[in-house]
Amino acid sequence: MNVTILGGGSWAIALAVMLTGKKHDVRMWEFNPKDADMLRSRREHPQKLPGIKIPHEVVISSDIRDAMASAELVLCVVPSQTMRSTCKTLVAALDRKSVDKIQGWVIAAKGIECGTLKLMTEVLADEIPGLSSDRLVVLSGPSLAAEVSRGIPTTVVAASKNLDLAVQIQKEFSTDTFRIYTNTDVVGVELRIDREPRDLPVPPELERAMKRRPLLRREFERLPPGGRMQFLRFLNAKAPATREKRIRRAIEVLLERALLRPRRKAK
């Protein structure tokens, strides 16, 4: 598919890397011309996502008309407080026919617009002419750009009132390490706040590993309850060989998370 990503931050880059790996044609729009030039020349954002190279197949532009050329799918990955202005810029640059040709709009930005208290789906509905809810998808879940871009197992939800579109996003975006569940509760996914502790069954093999290496347990306990649930769900496999493989990978993931975490300087 022809995919346009609106945004040039860490999450936008992680999605561009992943989708290019899925053989999609990806264009990325970065509103700041200097940042767009830097991304094109370095193929990396040294501050926001150091060490992750943007594939040369990804076209990076600060011209939104150029970035939207032939777009079939649009990923909105700009900060929530600039979502409305981005939509206005897009609509001003394109004719109505080009906007109507876009099959789906995927919102991968979290948050509520401060001035209006509107959700991102409502902001897009306000600003994109003719946009109906059956062309909107919210992609959200406990995820980190640094982990997704490095292939560390992650699970998210694609929510849309149009379940067929959510399933299509699931098919087009999913990889061996990026698992997507579908849902029709769009507002629930946008607003989900999971702060309640839960008693989740930890596989004995992982429990023994955490007992041997306290670092693993500390990293596991840093996960929010919702993230812990998704993490443990990933380990749930009926086939013993698959279960063993996933548990080994889970231990690697916890170690990688610990290594990615900045260390405190000794006083």
C-alpha atoms as a PDB file:
ATOM      1  CA  MET A   1       0.000   0.000   0.000  1.00  0.00           C
ATOM      2  CA  ASN A   2       0.966   3.639  -0.397  1.00  0.00           C
ATOM      3  CA  VAL A   3       1.264   4.896   3.178  1.00  0.00           C
ATOM      4  CA  THR A   4       1.844   8.472   4.281  1.00  0.00           C
ATOM      5  CA  ILE A   5       3.020   9.126   7.828  1.00  0.00           C
ATOM      6  CA  LEU A   6       2.298  12.590   9.198  1.00  0.00           C
ATOM      7  CA  GLY A   7       5.051  13.296  11.706  1.00  0.00           C
ATOM      8  CA  GLY A   8       8.798  12.816  11.995  1.00  0.00           C
ATOM      9  CA  GLY A   9       9.231  11.883  15.644  1.00  0.00           C
ATOM     10  CA  SER A  10      10.290   8.614  17.251  1.00  0.00           C
ATOM     11  CA  TRP A  11       6.942   6.840  16.875  1.00  0.00           C
ATOM     12  CA  ALA A  12       6.609   7.961  13.255  1.00  0.00           C
ATOM     13  CA  ILE A  13      10.111   6.666  12.505  1.00  0.00           C
ATOM     14  CA  ALA A  14       9.441   3.340  14.242  1.00  0.00           C
ATOM     15  CA  LEU A  15       6.280   2.846  12.188  1.00  0.00           C
ATOM     16  CA  ALA A  16       8.098   3.831   8.980  1.00  0.00           C
ATOM     17  CA  VAL A  17      10.805   1.242   9.648  1.00  0.00           C
ATOM     18  CA  MET A  18       8.237  -1.441  10.411  1.00  0.00           C
ATOM     19  CA  LEU A  19       5.969  -0.709   7.446  1.00  0.00           C
ATOM     20  CA  THR A  20       8.868  -0.548   4.998  1.00  0.00           C
ATOM     21  CA  GLY A  21       9.805  -4.006   6.227  1.00  0.00           C
ATOM     22  CA  LYS A  22       6.279  -5.068   5.273  1.00  0.00           C
ATOM     23  CA  LYS A  23       6.986  -3.870   1.706  1.00  0.00           C
ATOM     24  CA  HIS A  24       4.687  -0.844   1.837  1.00  0.00           C
ATOM     25  CA  ASP A  25       5.623   2.326  -0.035  1.00  0.00           C
ATOM     26  CA  VAL A  26       6.132   4.842   2.757  1.00  0.00           C
ATOM     27  CA  ARG A  27       6.288   8.621   2.663  1.00  0.00           C
ATOM     28  CA  MET A  28       6.923  10.690   5.775  1.00  0.00           C
ATOM     29  CA  TRP A  29       5.951  14.321   6.316  1.00  0.00           C
ATOM     30  CA  GLU A  30       8.018  16.403   8.748  1.00  0.00           C
ATOM     31  CA  PHE A  31       6.676  19.950   9.056  1.00  0.00           C
ATOM     32  CA  ASN A  32      10.045  21.526   9.912  1.00  0.00           C
ATOM     33  CA  PRO A  33      12.133  21.801   6.688  1.00  0.00           C
ATOM     34  CA  LYS A  34      15.441  21.706   8.601  1.00  0.00           C
ATOM     35  CA  ASP A  35      14.440  18.540  10.432  1.00  0.00           C
ATOM     36  CA  ALA A  36      13.233  17.002   7.175  1.00  0.00           C
ATOM     37  CA  ASP A  37      16.610  17.765   5.560  1.00  0.00           C
ATOM     38  CA  MET A  38      18.424  16.254   8.539  1.00  0.00           C
ATOM     39  CA  LEU A  39      16.327  13.083   8.398  1.00  0.00           C
ATOM     40  CA  ARG A  40      16.905  12.738   4.651  1.00  0.00           C
ATOM     41  CA  SER A  41      20.661  13.147   4.933  1.00  0.00           C
ATOM     42  CA  ARG A  42      21.312  11.200   8.132  1.00  0.00           C
ATOM     43  CA  ARG A  43      18.438   8.686   7.814  1.00  0.00           C
ATOM     44  CA  GLU A  44      18.247   8.830  11.603  1.00  0.00           C
ATOM     45  CA  HIS A  45      17.037  11.106  14.376  1.00  0.00           C
ATOM     46  CA  PRO A  46      19.987  11.163  16.809  1.00  0.00           C
ATOM     47  CA  GLN A  47      17.978  12.791  19.607  1.00  0.00           C
ATOM     48  CA  LYS A  48      14.598  11.096  19.378  1.00  0.00           C
ATOM     49  CA  LEU A  49      15.546   7.588  18.199  1.00  0.00           C
ATOM     50  CA  PRO A  50      19.326   7.148  18.083  1.00  0.00           C
ATOM     51  CA  GLY A  51      20.697   4.091  16.356  1.00  0.00           C
ATOM     52  CA  ILE A  52      17.605   3.393  14.266  1.00  0.00           C
ATOM     53  CA  LYS A  53      18.147   3.934  10.555  1.00  0.00           C
ATOM     54  CA  ILE A  54      15.290   5.066   8.334  1.00  0.00           C
ATOM     55  CA  PRO A  55      15.274   2.880   5.191  1.00  0.00           C
ATOM     56  CA  HIS A  56      16.308   4.706   2.026  1.00  0.00           C
ATOM     57  CA  GLU A  57      13.024   3.642   0.450  1.00  0.00           C
ATOM     58  CA  VAL A  58      11.167   6.037   2.776  1.00  0.00           C
ATOM     59  CA  VAL A  59      10.542   9.378   1.061  1.00  0.00           C
ATOM     60  CA  ILE A  60      10.885  12.242   3.569  1.00  0.00           C
ATOM     61  CA  SER A  61       9.440  15.651   2.765  1.00  0.00           C
ATOM     62  CA  SER A  62       8.365  18.874   4.416  1.00  0.00           C
ATOM     63  CA  ASP A  63       5.968  19.504   1.517  1.00  0.00           C
ATOM     64  CA  ILE A  64       2.680  17.963   2.591  1.00  0.00           C
ATOM     65  CA  ARG A  65       1.384  17.826  -0.991  1.00  0.00           C
ATOM     66  CA  ASP A  66       4.431  15.796  -2.013  1.00  0.00           C
ATOM     67  CA  ALA A  67       4.163  13.571   1.068  1.00  0.00           C
ATOM     68  CA  MET A  68       0.495  12.845   0.353  1.00  0.00           C
ATOM     69  CA  ALA A  69       1.066  11.863  -3.292  1.00  0.00           C
ATOM     70  CA  SER A  70      -0.921   8.682  -4.106  1.00  0.00           C
ATOM     71  CA  ALA A  71      -1.661   8.061  -0.405  1.00  0.00           C
ATOM     72  CA  GLU A  72      -4.055   5.189   0.240  1.00  0.00           C
ATOM     73  CA  LEU A  73      -3.530   5.149   3.984  1.00  0.00           C
ATOM     74  CA  VAL A  74      -2.609   8.055   6.273  1.00  0.00           C
ATOM     75  CA  LEU A  75      -1.025   7.604   9.702  1.00  0.00           C
ATOM     76  CA  CYS A  76      -1.484  10.602  11.975  1.00  0.00           C
ATOM     77  CA  VAL A  77       1.518  10.549  14.308  1.00  0.00           C
ATOM     78  CA  VAL A  78       1.885  14.236  15.151  1.00  0.00           C
ATOM     79  CA  PRO A  79       1.470  15.432  18.756  1.00  0.00           C
ATOM     80  CA  SER A  80      -2.175  15.660  19.810  1.00  0.00           C
ATOM     81  CA  GLN A  81      -1.993  19.436  20.337  1.00  0.00           C
ATOM     82  CA  THR A  82      -0.862  19.977  16.726  1.00  0.00           C
ATOM     83  CA  MET A  83      -3.280  17.474  15.166  1.00  0.00           C
ATOM     84  CA  ARG A  84      -5.857  20.096  14.225  1.00  0.00           C
ATOM     85  CA  SER A  85      -3.353  22.481  12.622  1.00  0.00           C
ATOM     86  CA  THR A  86      -1.825  19.552  10.708  1.00  0.00           C
ATOM     87  CA  CYS A  87      -5.237  18.587   9.362  1.00  0.00           C
ATOM     88  CA  LYS A  88      -5.875  22.184   8.300  1.00  0.00           C
ATOM     89  CA  THR A  89      -2.530  22.267   6.479  1.00  0.00           C
ATOM     90  CA  LEU A  90      -3.338  19.003   4.710  1.00  0.00           C
ATOM     91  CA  VAL A  91      -6.817  20.074   3.623  1.00  0.00           C
ATOM     92  CA  ALA A  92      -5.526  23.406   2.339  1.00  0.00           C
ATOM     93  CA  ALA A  93      -2.890  21.650   0.221  1.00  0.00           C
ATOM     94  CA  LEU A  94      -5.070  18.947  -1.356  1.00  0.00           C
ATOM     95  CA  ASP A  95      -8.201  18.989  -3.466  1.00  0.00           C
ATOM     96  CA  ARG A  96     -11.316  17.219  -2.202  1.00  0.00           C
ATOM     97  CA  LYS A  97     -10.941  14.400  -4.738  1.00  0.00           C
ATOM     98  CA  SER A  98      -7.497  13.484  -3.361  1.00  0.00           C
ATOM     99  CA  VAL A  99      -8.816  13.484   0.207  1.00  0.00           C
ATOM    100  CA  ASP A 100     -11.769  11.275  -0.737  1.00  0.00           C
ATOM    101  CA  LYS A 101      -9.436   8.702  -2.328  1.00  0.00           C
ATOM    102  CA  ILE A 102      -7.759   7.949   1.016  1.00  0.00           C
ATOM    103  CA  GLN A 103      -9.045   4.557   2.179  1.00  0.00           C
ATOM    104  CA  GLY A 104      -8.231   4.895   5.855  1.00  0.00           C
ATOM    105  CA  TRP A 105      -6.949   7.323   8.469  1.00  0.00           C
ATOM    106  CA  VAL A 106      -4.994   5.723  11.305  1.00  0.00           C
ATOM    107  CA  ILE A 107      -4.551   7.779  14.468  1.00  0.00           C
ATOM    108  CA  ALA A 108      -1.397   6.779  16.320  1.00  0.00           C
ATOM    109  CA  ALA A 109      -1.267   9.857  18.546  1.00  0.00           C
ATOM    110  CA  LYS A 110      -2.467   9.764  22.145  1.00  0.00           C
ATOM    111  CA  GLY A 111      -4.126  12.540  24.051  1.00  0.00           C
ATOM    112  CA  ILE A 112      -7.019  14.980  24.247  1.00  0.00           C
ATOM    113  CA  GLU A 113      -7.025  18.429  22.682  1.00  0.00           C
ATOM    114  CA  CYS A 114      -6.599  20.838  25.595  1.00  0.00           C
ATOM    115  CA  GLY A 115      -8.709  23.719  24.326  1.00  0.00           C
ATOM    116  CA  THR A 116     -11.746  21.639  23.348  1.00  0.00           C
ATOM    117  CA  LEU A 117     -11.299  18.406  25.338  1.00  0.00           C
ATOM    118  CA  LYS A 118     -11.941  16.554  22.078  1.00  0.00           C
ATOM    119  CA  LEU A 119     -10.485  13.181  21.190  1.00  0.00           C
ATOM    120  CA  MET A 120      -8.267  12.846  18.127  1.00  0.00           C
ATOM    121  CA  THR A 121     -11.039  11.075  16.208  1.00  0.00           C
ATOM    122  CA  GLU A 122     -13.252  14.092  16.840  1.00  0.00           C
ATOM    123  CA  VAL A 123     -10.539  16.503  15.726  1.00  0.00           C
ATOM    124  CA  LEU A 124     -10.127  14.659  12.419  1.00  0.00           C
ATOM    125  CA  ALA A 125     -13.896  14.513  11.945  1.00  0.00           C
ATOM    126  CA  ASP A 126     -13.999  18.296  12.434  1.00  0.00           C
ATOM    127  CA  GLU A 127     -11.228  19.090   9.981  1.00  0.00           C
ATOM    128  CA  ILE A 128     -11.216  16.460   7.210  1.00  0.00           C
ATOM    129  CA  PRO A 129     -14.150  17.121   4.872  1.00  0.00           C
ATOM    130  CA  GLY A 130     -16.415  14.142   4.279  1.00  0.00           C
ATOM    131  CA  LEU A 131     -14.537  11.925   6.733  1.00  0.00           C
ATOM    132  CA  SER A 132     -16.843   9.308   8.256  1.00  0.00           C
ATOM    133  CA  SER A 133     -16.152   7.076  11.248  1.00  0.00           C
ATOM    134  CA  ASP A 134     -15.918   3.962   9.040  1.00  0.00           C
ATOM    135  CA  ARG A 135     -12.645   5.323   7.582  1.00  0.00           C
ATOM    136  CA  LEU A 136     -11.035   5.999  10.981  1.00  0.00           C
ATOM    137  CA  VAL A 137      -8.859   3.649  13.031  1.00  0.00           C
ATOM    138  CA  VAL A 138      -7.190   4.256  16.385  1.00  0.00           C
ATOM    139  CA  LEU A 139      -3.914   2.386  16.914  1.00  0.00           C
ATOM    140  CA  SER A 140      -2.990   2.384  20.582  1.00  0.00           C
ATOM    141  CA  GLY A 141      -1.499   0.278  23.338  1.00  0.00           C
ATOM    142  CA  PRO A 142       1.465  -0.074  25.700  1.00  0.00           C
ATOM    143  CA  SER A 143       4.246   0.533  23.186  1.00  0.00           C
ATOM    144  CA  LEU A 144       7.605   2.282  22.968  1.00  0.00           C
ATOM    145  CA  ALA A 145       9.166   3.448  19.710  1.00  0.00           C
ATOM    146  CA  ALA A 146      12.621   2.288  20.827  1.00  0.00           C
ATOM    147  CA  GLU A 147      11.280  -1.225  21.342  1.00  0.00           C
ATOM    148  CA  VAL A 148       9.074  -1.499  18.240  1.00  0.00           C
ATOM    149  CA  SER A 149      11.894  -0.268  15.990  1.00  0.00           C
ATOM    150  CA  ARG A 150      14.217  -2.925  17.425  1.00  0.00           C
ATOM    151  CA  GLY A 151      11.748  -5.776  17.003  1.00  0.00           C
ATOM    152  CA  ILE A 152      10.989  -6.196  20.696  1.00  0.00           C
ATOM    153  CA  PRO A 153       7.572  -7.912  21.064  1.00  0.00           C
ATOM    154  CA  THR A 154       4.725  -5.409  21.398  1.00  0.00           C
ATOM    155  CA  THR A 155       0.942  -5.700  21.358  1.00  0.00           C
ATOM    156  CA  VAL A 156      -1.483  -2.924  20.471  1.00  0.00           C
ATOM    157  CA  VAL A 157      -5.134  -2.524  19.481  1.00  0.00           C
ATOM    158  CA  ALA A 158      -6.600  -1.306  16.182  1.00  0.00           C
ATOM    159  CA  ALA A 159     -10.047   0.066  17.004  1.00  0.00           C
ATOM    160  CA  SER A 160     -12.621   1.197  14.472  1.00  0.00           C
ATOM    161  CA  LYS A 161     -16.377   1.252  14.116  1.00  0.00           C
ATOM    162  CA  ASN A 162     -15.637  -0.439  10.795  1.00  0.00           C
ATOM    163  CA  LEU A 163     -14.314  -3.813  11.930  1.00  0.00           C
ATOM    164  CA  ASP A 164     -13.277  -4.718   8.379  1.00  0.00           C
ATOM    165  CA  LEU A 165     -10.944  -1.724   8.312  1.00  0.00           C
ATOM    166  CA  ALA A 166      -9.490  -2.640  11.717  1.00  0.00           C
ATOM    167  CA  VAL A 167      -8.848  -6.162  10.417  1.00  0.00           C
ATOM    168  CA  GLN A 168      -7.191  -4.724   7.313  1.00  0.00           C
ATOM    169  CA  ILE A 169      -4.851  -2.638   9.478  1.00  0.00           C
ATOM    170  CA  GLN A 170      -4.139  -5.733  11.550  1.00  0.00           C
ATOM    171  CA  LYS A 171      -3.168  -7.600   8.382  1.00  0.00           C
ATOM    172  CA  GLU A 172      -1.106  -4.784   6.839  1.00  0.00           C
ATOM    173  CA  PHE A 173       0.777  -3.784  10.020  1.00  0.00           C
ATOM    174  CA  SER A 174       1.297  -6.995  11.990  1.00  0.00           C
ATOM    175  CA  THR A 175       4.718  -8.613  12.145  1.00  0.00           C
ATOM    176  CA  ASP A 176       6.203 -11.488  14.146  1.00  0.00           C
ATOM    177  CA  THR A 177       6.922  -9.045  16.975  1.00  0.00           C
ATOM    178  CA  PHE A 178       4.185  -6.423  16.504  1.00  0.00           C
ATOM    179  CA  ARG A 179       0.866  -8.058  17.349  1.00  0.00           C
ATOM    180  CA  ILE A 180      -2.401  -6.215  16.751  1.00  0.00           C
ATOM    181  CA  TYR A 181      -5.796  -7.026  18.265  1.00  0.00           C
ATOM    182  CA  THR A 182      -8.974  -5.554  16.811  1.00  0.00           C
ATOM    183  CA  ASN A 183     -11.800  -3.789  18.592  1.00  0.00           C
ATOM    184  CA  THR A 184     -14.864  -1.670  17.804  1.00  0.00           C
ATOM    185  CA  ASP A 185     -14.734   0.343  21.050  1.00  0.00           C
ATOM    186  CA  VAL A 186     -12.957   3.367  19.595  1.00  0.00           C
ATOM    187  CA  VAL A 187     -13.569   5.732  22.515  1.00  0.00           C
ATOM    188  CA  GLY A 188     -12.587   3.052  25.023  1.00  0.00           C
ATOM    189  CA  VAL A 189      -9.246   2.532  23.288  1.00  0.00           C
ATOM    190  CA  GLU A 190      -8.591   6.278  23.022  1.00  0.00           C
ATOM    191  CA  LEU A 191      -9.338   6.897  26.688  1.00  0.00           C
ATOM    192  CA  ARG A 192      -8.119   3.703  28.255  1.00  0.00           C
ATOM    193  CA  ILE A 193      -6.306   4.305  31.538  1.00  0.00           C
ATOM    194  CA  ASP A 194      -5.192   1.121  33.264  1.00  0.00           C
ATOM    195  CA  ARG A 195      -3.971   1.860  36.776  1.00  0.00           C
ATOM    196  CA  GLU A 196      -5.566  -0.976  38.693  1.00  0.00           C
ATOM    197  CA  PRO A 197      -3.166  -3.670  39.898  1.00  0.00           C
ATOM    198  CA  ARG A 198      -3.985  -7.198  38.784  1.00  0.00           C
ATOM    199  CA  ASP A 199      -2.942 -10.670  39.870  1.00  0.00           C
ATOM    200  CA  LEU A 200      -1.671 -12.088  36.592  1.00  0.00           C
ATOM    201  CA  PRO A 201      -0.294 -15.624  36.346  1.00  0.00           C
ATOM    202  CA  VAL A 202       3.420 -15.532  35.605  1.00  0.00           C
ATOM    203  CA  PRO A 203       4.784 -18.650  33.874  1.00  0.00           C
ATOM    204  CA  PRO A 204       6.956 -20.701  36.259  1.00  0.00           C
ATOM    205  CA  GLU A 205       9.909 -20.529  33.874  1.00  0.00           C
ATOM    206  CA  LEU A 206       9.826 -16.731  33.861  1.00  0.00           C
ATOM    207  CA  GLU A 207       9.306 -16.634  37.627  1.00  0.00           C
ATOM    208  CA  ARG A 208      12.417 -18.774  38.160  1.00  0.00           C
ATOM    209  CA  ALA A 209      14.440 -16.541  35.826  1.00  0.00           C
ATOM    210  CA  MET A 210      13.321 -13.435  37.718  1.00  0.00           C
ATOM    211  CA  LYS A 211      14.230 -15.064  41.007  1.00  0.00           C
ATOM    212  CA  ARG A 212      17.731 -15.797  39.745  1.00  0.00           C
ATOM    213  CA  ARG A 213      18.150 -12.323  38.269  1.00  0.00           C
ATOM    214  CA  PRO A 214      16.422  -9.568  40.286  1.00  0.00           C
ATOM    215  CA  LEU A 215      17.103  -7.146  37.419  1.00  0.00           C
ATOM    216  CA  LEU A 216      14.478  -9.001  35.367  1.00  0.00           C
ATOM    217  CA  ARG A 217      11.873  -8.688  38.101  1.00  0.00           C
ATOM    218  CA  ARG A 218      12.528  -4.983  38.551  1.00  0.00           C
ATOM    219  CA  GLU A 219      12.067  -4.418  34.833  1.00  0.00           C
ATOM    220  CA  PHE A 220       8.941  -6.562  34.754  1.00  0.00           C
ATOM    221  CA  GLU A 221       7.402  -4.673  37.668  1.00  0.00           C
ATOM    222  CA  ARG A 222       8.092  -1.341  35.940  1.00  0.00           C
ATOM    223  CA  LEU A 223       5.576  -2.289  33.257  1.00  0.00           C
ATOM    224  CA  PRO A 224       2.131  -0.698  33.768  1.00  0.00           C
ATOM    225  CA  PRO A 225      -0.643  -3.189  34.613  1.00  0.00           C
ATOM    226  CA  GLY A 226      -2.014  -3.059  31.079  1.00  0.00           C
ATOM    227  CA  GLY A 227       1.453  -3.557  29.603  1.00  0.00           C
ATOM    228  CA  ARG A 228       2.100  -6.473  31.938  1.00  0.00           C
ATOM    229  CA  MET A 229      -1.149  -8.078  30.829  1.00  0.00           C
ATOM    230  CA  GLN A 230      -0.202  -7.753  27.154  1.00  0.00           C
ATOM    231  CA  PHE A 231       3.314  -8.998  27.877  1.00  0.00           C
ATOM    232  CA  LEU A 232       2.036 -12.139  29.619  1.00  0.00           C
ATOM    233  CA  ARG A 233      -0.610 -12.699  26.957  1.00  0.00           C
ATOM    234  CA  PHE A 234       2.228 -12.917  24.420  1.00  0.00           C
ATOM    235  CA  LEU A 235       3.647 -15.866  26.378  1.00  0.00           C
ATOM    236  CA  ASN A 236       0.386 -17.787  26.251  1.00  0.00           C
ATOM    237  CA  ALA A 237       0.890 -20.554  23.689  1.00  0.00           C
ATOM    238  CA  LYS A 238      -0.526 -24.078  23.583  1.00  0.00           C
ATOM    239  CA  ALA A 239       2.427 -25.662  21.808  1.00  0.00           C
ATOM    240  CA  PRO A 240       5.264 -26.308  24.328  1.00  0.00           C
ATOM    241  CA  ALA A 241       7.971 -25.408  21.796  1.00  0.00           C
ATOM    242  CA  THR A 242       6.295 -22.083  20.991  1.00  0.00           C
ATOM    243  CA  ARG A 243       5.777 -21.331  24.675  1.00  0.00           C
ATOM    244  CA  GLU A 244       9.433 -22.074  25.451  1.00  0.00           C
ATOM    245  CA  LYS A 245      10.583 -19.875  22.568  1.00  0.00           C
ATOM    246  CA  ARG A 246       8.389 -16.974  23.685  1.00  0.00           C
ATOM    247  CA  ILE A 247       9.544 -17.201  27.295  1.00  0.00           C
ATOM    248  CA  ARG A 248      13.173 -17.103  26.174  1.00  0.00           C
ATOM    249  CA  ARG A 249      12.328 -14.050  24.093  1.00  0.00           C
ATOM    250  CA  ALA A 250      10.523 -12.458  27.052  1.00  0.00           C
ATOM    251  CA  ILE A 251      13.655 -12.785  29.181  1.00  0.00           C
ATOM    252  CA  GLU A 252      15.699 -11.193  26.372  1.00  0.00           C
ATOM    253  CA  VAL A 253      13.175  -8.349  26.133  1.00  0.00           C
ATOM    254  CA  LEU A 254      13.360  -7.566  29.839  1.00  0.00           C
ATOM    255  CA  LEU A 255      17.159  -7.499  29.646  1.00  0.00           C
ATOM    256  CA  GLU A 256      17.035  -5.252  26.581  1.00  0.00           C
ATOM    257  CA  ARG A 257      14.640  -2.872  28.346  1.00  0.00           C
ATOM    258  CA  ALA A 258      17.043  -2.683  31.280  1.00  0.00           C
ATOM    259  CA  LEU A 259      19.970  -1.910  28.955  1.00  0.00           C
ATOM    260  CA  LEU A 260      17.984   0.793  27.163  1.00  0.00           C
ATOM    261  CA  ARG A 261      17.161   2.513  30.422  1.00  0.00           C
ATOM    262  CA  PRO A 262      19.538   5.440  31.165  1.00  0.00           C
ATOM    263  CA  ARG A 263      21.855   4.727  34.068  1.00  0.00           C
ATOM    264  CA  ARG A 264      22.179   7.127  36.959  1.00  0.00           C
ATOM    265  CA  LYS A 265      25.543   8.821  37.239  1.00  0.00           C
ATOM    266  CA  ALA A 266      27.453   8.084  40.391  1.00  0.00           C
ATOM    267  CA  LYS A 267      27.683  11.055  42.703  1.00  0.00           C
END
